[in-house]
Protein backbone atom coordinates (compact mmCIF):
# COMPACT_ATOMS: atom_id res chain seq x y z
CA MET A 1 118.59 89.34 132.07
CA LEU A 2 116.42 87.60 129.30
CA LEU A 3 115.76 88.92 126.29
CA CYS A 4 112.92 86.39 124.63
CA PHE A 5 112.38 87.98 121.24
CA ILE A 6 109.25 87.09 119.40
CA ARG A 7 108.46 87.05 116.04
CA HIS A 8 104.90 88.13 115.36
CA GLY A 9 103.00 85.04 113.63
CA ILE A 10 101.87 84.96 110.25
CA ALA A 11 99.56 87.50 108.70
CA GLU A 12 97.78 88.87 105.84
CA HIS A 13 99.62 89.84 102.67
CA PRO A 14 100.29 93.26 101.96
CA SER A 15 96.87 95.00 99.73
CA ALA A 16 95.62 98.32 98.36
CA HIS A 17 93.22 97.71 101.01
CA VAL A 18 94.89 96.99 104.40
CA THR A 19 98.08 99.24 105.12
CA ASP A 20 101.10 97.33 106.37
CA ALA A 21 100.75 98.77 109.85
CA GLU A 22 96.97 97.34 109.94
CA ARG A 23 97.74 94.08 108.46
CA ALA A 24 96.32 91.79 110.88
CA LEU A 25 96.89 87.63 111.85
CA THR A 26 95.03 85.26 109.42
CA SER A 27 93.06 82.72 111.47
CA GLU A 28 95.58 79.93 110.67
CA GLY A 29 98.34 82.13 111.85
CA VAL A 30 95.81 83.09 115.00
CA ARG A 31 95.94 79.34 115.52
CA ALA A 32 100.07 78.56 114.54
CA MET A 33 100.73 81.65 117.25
CA GLU A 34 98.47 80.09 119.91
CA CYS A 35 100.12 76.23 119.62
CA ALA A 36 103.45 78.18 119.79
CA ALA A 37 102.37 80.49 122.79
CA ALA A 38 101.99 76.96 124.27
CA GLY A 39 104.94 75.81 123.92
CA ILE A 40 106.73 78.90 125.40
CA ALA A 41 104.64 78.22 128.30
CA ARG A 42 105.73 75.25 128.90
CA LEU A 43 109.66 77.01 128.82
CA ARG A 44 108.94 78.69 131.80
CA LEU A 45 111.10 81.18 131.34
CA GLY A 46 109.95 83.73 133.62
CA ILE A 47 109.04 86.10 131.66
CA GLY A 48 107.59 89.48 133.89
CA GLY A 49 106.65 91.03 130.93
CA ILE A 50 105.17 91.68 127.19
CA VAL A 51 106.89 94.49 124.80
CA THR A 52 105.20 94.77 121.53
CA SER A 53 105.26 96.84 118.09
CA PRO A 54 102.49 98.88 117.11
CA LEU A 55 101.64 97.06 114.84
CA VAL A 56 98.51 95.20 114.84
CA ARG A 57 99.66 91.72 113.67
CA ALA A 58 102.75 92.07 116.79
CA ARG A 59 99.55 93.20 119.10
CA GLN A 60 97.92 90.58 118.40
CA THR A 61 100.86 87.62 118.90
CA ALA A 62 101.68 89.57 122.12
CA GLY A 63 98.15 89.15 122.87
CA ILE A 64 98.56 85.74 122.70
CA VAL A 65 101.40 84.73 123.87
CA GLY A 66 100.28 86.91 126.97
CA GLU A 67 97.06 84.88 127.68
CA ALA A 68 99.74 81.59 127.27
CA LEU A 69 101.72 83.29 129.75
CA GLY A 70 99.19 84.52 132.10
CA LEU A 71 100.73 88.15 131.50
CA ASP A 72 97.65 89.67 129.20
CA ARG A 73 97.51 92.58 131.78
CA ARG A 74 101.06 93.01 131.62
CA ILE A 75 101.65 94.43 128.00
CA SER A 76 102.72 97.14 126.25
CA VAL A 77 103.08 98.91 123.65
CA ALA A 78 107.10 100.83 122.41
CA GLU A 79 107.14 102.37 119.13
CA GLU A 80 110.92 101.48 119.31
CA LEU A 81 109.70 97.36 118.20
CA ASP A 82 108.22 99.04 114.86
CA GLY A 83 110.15 97.87 111.48
CA ARG A 84 113.15 100.30 112.14
CA PHE A 85 113.73 98.11 115.64
CA CYS A 86 117.82 98.28 116.29
CA LEU A 87 120.51 98.13 118.97
CA ALA A 88 120.25 101.46 119.65
CA GLY A 89 115.99 101.27 120.23
CA LEU A 90 116.42 98.09 122.31
CA GLN A 91 118.77 100.15 124.63
CA ARG A 92 116.31 103.33 124.83
CA LEU A 93 113.57 100.31 125.62
CA LEU A 94 115.90 98.00 128.69
CA ALA A 95 116.54 101.58 130.19
CA GLY A 96 113.50 102.37 132.34
CA ARG A 97 113.25 98.33 133.20
CA PRO A 98 116.59 97.91 134.90
CA GLU A 99 114.29 95.10 137.45
CA GLU A 100 113.47 93.03 134.22
CA ARG A 101 114.97 89.44 134.78
CA ALA A 102 113.07 87.79 131.78
CA LEU A 103 110.98 90.08 129.18
CA ALA A 104 109.47 89.20 125.84
CA LEU A 105 109.49 91.53 123.15
CA VAL A 106 107.43 90.82 119.71
CA GLY A 107 107.94 92.37 116.44
CA HIS A 108 109.50 91.94 113.24
CA GLU A 109 111.98 91.00 110.37
CA PRO A 110 114.62 91.42 109.54
CA THR A 111 115.04 94.23 112.38
CA PHE A 112 115.19 91.84 114.84
CA SER A 113 117.60 89.09 113.78
CA ILE A 114 119.76 92.00 113.03
CA THR A 115 118.93 92.71 116.79
CA VAL A 116 119.96 89.50 117.43
CA ALA A 117 122.87 89.70 115.84
CA ASP A 118 124.55 92.48 116.39
CA LEU A 119 123.97 91.72 120.61
CA ILE A 120 125.49 88.38 120.50
CA GLY A 121 128.33 89.57 118.33
CA GLY A 122 127.90 88.26 114.70
CA GLY A 123 126.79 85.56 113.12
CA ASP A 124 123.67 84.61 110.83
CA VAL A 125 120.10 84.61 112.85
CA GLU A 126 116.97 84.46 110.94
CA ILE A 127 113.75 84.70 112.95
CA LYS A 128 111.09 82.67 110.87
CA LYS A 129 107.16 83.87 111.89
CA GLY A 130 106.10 82.28 115.64
CA SER A 131 109.91 81.60 115.95
CA LEU A 132 111.27 82.62 119.41
CA ALA A 133 114.73 83.41 120.06
CA VAL A 134 116.59 84.08 123.70
CA VAL A 135 119.10 85.69 124.71
CA GLU A 136 120.81 86.43 127.57
CA THR A 137 122.97 89.53 128.79
CA GLU A 138 123.10 91.75 131.17
CA ARG A 139 123.50 95.18 128.57
CA ALA A 140 122.34 96.05 125.20
CA GLU A 141 125.53 96.11 123.79
CA PRO A 142 126.71 94.63 120.31
CA GLY A 143 128.44 91.24 121.68
CA ALA A 144 127.35 91.60 125.08
CA GLY A 145 124.39 88.54 124.73
CA VAL A 146 124.62 84.51 124.64
CA LEU A 147 122.08 83.23 122.57
CA ARG A 148 120.23 80.48 124.52
CA MET A 149 117.81 79.04 122.39
CA LEU A 150 116.78 79.68 118.30
CA LEU A 151 112.83 77.68 118.35
CA PRO A 152 110.82 77.84 115.39
CA PRO A 153 107.38 77.46 115.40
CA SER A 154 107.18 73.70 114.55
CA VAL A 155 109.65 72.95 117.66
CA LEU A 156 107.46 75.63 119.70
CA ARG A 157 103.86 73.94 118.92
CA GLU A 158 105.73 70.19 119.99
CA LEU A 159 106.11 71.93 123.26
CA GLY A 160 102.68 72.75 123.46
CA GLY A 161 101.28 69.86 122.43
CA ARG A 162 99.67 70.84 119.46
CA GLY A 163 102.57 69.51 117.11
């Protein structure tokens, strides 16, 4: 199985008027994510579904990626992908999806980088806003995965022809 970890795009700064969960993508974040999503589509990873954090900026990112991949009707929300995401949450999330060949997960830092590092057996992983990390694994267990790619948004934009 391919697990495609996509960090949400550039979002509003926290403020007294907007809770963390309500923070939306900025107009720049939307444009950048549209370009990055075009690059993700060009990779032809065989993604069959998208699971996103319930936070607004992640749901918006999932929608943009879903549109680019033709999967806008295959997006689901999972509480496991909120700011407390971890390997145990990944195990719970995947338990109900044994048939998936490739799945996109949209979420947040620092939990995405920590979970990817745990899955590949360690290392220093940094998933920037709008980046894609692809891990191949048969089990959501420590050290069971192989990092196949980690692409920053600038590379994804180039792939999408909108660099």
